[in-house]
Amino acid sequence: DMKRGVVVHGGHRHHLKVINTIRRCGSIAQAVEQGVLTKGVMYECVRNHVPFVLAGSIRDDGPLPDTQMDLIKAQQDYAKLLEGTDMVLMLSTMLHSIGVGNMTPAGVKMVCVDINPAVVTKLSDRGSVESVGVVTDVGLFLSLLVQQLDKLTSPYLVK
């Protein structure tokens, strides 16, 4: 239960239910258009026309529609999205975070958020002074990030 931060019976299957729901819609964008996907990172990407790349792996459950299973093509897509990027936020995807971190040019700020300290350490060890590691639950991080961004963008900022 994401609202209460507690384990629920059968919770390990929730991602499979989500994958199948999105597959029935045809794509992530169609799930947003149909009102099935109404919040979250992917919803905001679609709603705000933010490009994204989902790279698959041999172990993927599903995979989700829109997932690039040709990993050479996915790496090329990552490289294209990294062009001109000022900041990369890496959320709880160890292999993808490390891979993208290794592709990211110097000068790009990186924030790696993962509950596993080893992931954060591996990314920091690449020698980038621009990388910041945050060891925490990604759900908690995102909820706090949204709260802070709301405060920063509120028209009624109290000083």
Protein backbone atom coordinates (compact mmCIF):
# COMPACT_ATOMS: atom_id res chain seq x y z
CA ASP A 1 0.00 0.00 0.00
CA MET A 2 1.88 3.06 -1.28
CA LYS A 3 -0.16 5.52 0.78
CA ARG A 4 0.59 3.80 4.08
CA GLY A 5 4.00 2.32 3.18
CA VAL A 6 3.06 -1.21 4.23
CA VAL A 7 3.27 -4.59 2.53
CA VAL A 8 -0.02 -5.95 1.23
CA HIS A 9 -0.95 -9.56 0.46
CA GLY A 10 -0.26 -10.29 -3.22
CA GLY A 11 1.45 -6.93 -3.70
CA HIS A 12 4.31 -8.53 -5.62
CA ARG A 13 1.86 -9.11 -8.50
CA HIS A 14 0.73 -5.51 -8.86
CA HIS A 15 3.30 -4.73 -11.56
CA LEU A 16 1.97 -7.62 -13.68
CA LYS A 17 -1.57 -6.29 -13.39
CA VAL A 18 -0.36 -2.84 -14.44
CA ILE A 19 1.57 -4.24 -17.42
CA ASN A 20 -1.51 -6.15 -18.60
CA THR A 21 -3.75 -3.11 -18.14
CA ILE A 22 -1.42 -0.92 -20.21
CA ARG A 23 -1.11 -3.67 -22.84
CA ARG A 24 -4.90 -3.73 -23.20
CA CYS A 25 -4.79 0.01 -23.91
CA GLY A 26 -2.09 -0.47 -26.56
CA SER A 27 0.50 1.98 -25.24
CA ILE A 28 1.30 4.22 -22.31
CA ALA A 29 0.05 7.27 -24.23
CA GLN A 30 -3.21 5.51 -25.09
CA ALA A 31 -3.63 4.55 -21.43
CA VAL A 32 -3.37 8.26 -20.56
CA GLU A 33 -5.78 9.24 -23.36
CA GLN A 34 -8.29 6.60 -22.23
CA GLY A 35 -8.15 7.81 -18.62
CA VAL A 36 -6.68 4.53 -17.38
CA LEU A 37 -3.35 6.05 -16.37
CA THR A 38 -4.16 9.18 -14.37
CA LYS A 39 -1.05 10.00 -12.33
CA GLY A 40 2.62 9.23 -11.89
CA VAL A 41 5.87 9.73 -13.76
CA MET A 42 4.78 8.16 -17.05
CA TYR A 43 1.47 10.03 -16.97
CA GLU A 44 3.32 13.33 -16.54
CA CYS A 45 5.76 12.46 -19.33
CA VAL A 46 2.89 11.80 -21.75
CA ARG A 47 0.81 14.77 -20.62
CA ASN A 48 3.75 17.19 -20.89
CA HIS A 49 5.24 15.69 -24.07
CA VAL A 50 8.45 14.63 -22.31
CA PRO A 51 10.21 11.97 -24.38
CA PHE A 52 11.24 8.77 -22.63
CA VAL A 53 12.99 5.52 -23.44
CA LEU A 54 12.10 2.23 -21.80
CA ALA A 55 14.80 -0.36 -22.43
CA GLY A 56 13.95 -3.99 -21.91
CA SER A 57 15.97 -6.89 -20.63
CA ILE A 58 15.87 -10.63 -21.01
CA ARG A 59 14.22 -10.88 -17.57
CA ASP A 60 11.40 -8.41 -18.21
CA ASP A 61 7.92 -9.28 -17.05
CA GLY A 62 5.68 -8.28 -19.91
CA PRO A 63 7.25 -6.06 -21.15
CA LEU A 64 5.22 -2.87 -21.16
CA PRO A 65 4.19 -1.55 -24.56
CA ASP A 66 6.66 1.14 -25.72
CA THR A 67 9.59 -0.89 -24.33
CA GLN A 68 12.51 -1.08 -26.73
CA MET A 69 13.69 -4.70 -26.64
CA ASP A 70 16.52 -4.12 -29.13
CA LEU A 71 19.13 -2.99 -26.61
CA ILE A 72 21.46 -1.48 -29.20
CA LYS A 73 18.56 0.68 -30.42
CA ALA A 74 17.63 1.51 -26.80
CA GLN A 75 21.20 2.65 -26.13
CA GLN A 76 21.09 4.85 -29.24
CA ASP A 77 17.77 6.29 -28.05
CA TYR A 78 19.27 6.99 -24.62
CA ALA A 79 22.21 8.78 -26.25
CA LYS A 80 19.86 10.92 -28.34
CA LEU A 81 17.83 11.96 -25.27
CA LEU A 82 21.00 12.79 -23.34
CA GLU A 83 22.10 15.33 -25.97
CA GLY A 84 21.81 18.81 -24.47
CA THR A 85 20.56 17.50 -21.14
CA ASP A 86 21.42 19.51 -18.02
CA MET A 87 20.21 17.01 -15.43
CA VAL A 88 19.34 13.32 -15.22
CA LEU A 89 17.15 11.92 -12.44
CA MET A 90 17.69 8.17 -12.02
CA LEU A 91 14.98 6.40 -10.07
CA SER A 92 15.40 2.90 -8.69
CA THR A 93 16.65 1.14 -11.82
CA MET A 94 20.15 -0.07 -11.08
CA LEU A 95 21.27 -1.39 -14.46
CA HIS A 96 19.68 1.46 -16.41
CA SER A 97 20.98 4.10 -14.00
CA ILE A 98 24.55 2.83 -14.17
CA GLY A 99 24.34 2.39 -17.94
CA VAL A 100 22.98 5.88 -18.52
CA GLY A 101 25.44 7.29 -15.98
CA ASN A 102 28.29 5.82 -17.99
CA MET A 103 26.92 7.42 -21.18
CA THR A 104 26.31 10.84 -19.63
CA PRO A 105 28.80 13.53 -20.63
CA ALA A 106 30.75 15.51 -18.04
CA GLY A 107 28.94 18.58 -16.79
CA VAL A 108 25.51 16.95 -16.64
CA LYS A 109 24.10 16.84 -13.11
CA MET A 110 22.93 13.39 -12.05
CA VAL A 111 20.75 12.47 -9.10
CA CYS A 112 20.52 8.76 -8.39
CA VAL A 113 17.76 7.68 -6.01
CA ASP A 114 17.70 4.06 -4.87
CA ILE A 115 16.99 2.17 -1.67
CA ASN A 116 20.14 0.11 -2.30
CA PRO A 117 23.30 1.99 -1.25
CA ALA A 118 25.42 -0.12 -3.64
CA VAL A 119 23.65 1.44 -6.64
CA VAL A 120 24.32 4.96 -5.44
CA THR A 121 27.95 4.06 -4.68
CA LYS A 122 28.52 2.49 -8.11
CA LEU A 123 27.28 5.63 -9.81
CA SER A 124 29.35 7.91 -7.59
CA ASP A 125 32.43 5.76 -8.24
CA ARG A 126 32.36 6.65 -11.93
CA GLY A 127 34.22 9.78 -10.88
CA SER A 128 31.61 12.39 -11.67
CA VAL A 129 31.61 15.34 -9.30
CA GLU A 130 28.20 16.20 -10.72
CA SER A 131 26.50 13.08 -9.32
CA VAL A 132 24.51 13.09 -6.10
CA GLY A 133 23.29 9.88 -4.51
CA VAL A 134 20.19 9.64 -2.36
CA VAL A 135 19.62 6.37 -0.51
CA THR A 136 15.90 6.18 0.15
CA ASP A 137 12.64 4.71 -1.07
CA VAL A 138 11.80 6.18 -4.49
CA GLY A 139 8.10 6.55 -3.65
CA LEU A 140 8.94 8.62 -0.59
CA PHE A 141 11.49 10.68 -2.56
CA LEU A 142 9.01 11.47 -5.32
CA SER A 143 6.23 12.46 -2.93
CA LEU A 144 8.59 14.83 -1.09
CA LEU A 145 9.94 16.18 -4.39
CA VAL A 146 6.41 16.97 -5.57
CA GLN A 147 5.64 18.74 -2.28
CA GLN A 148 8.76 20.89 -2.58
CA LEU A 149 8.17 21.69 -6.25
CA ASP A 150 4.59 22.69 -5.42
CA LYS A 151 5.92 25.06 -2.76
CA LEU A 152 8.43 26.57 -5.19
CA THR A 153 5.86 27.10 -7.92
CA SER A 154 2.96 28.21 -5.74
CA PRO A 155 1.61 31.66 -6.66
CA TYR A 156 1.13 32.28 -2.93
CA LEU A 157 4.68 31.76 -1.74
CA VAL A 158 5.06 32.79 1.87
CA LYS A 159 8.50 34.17 2.68
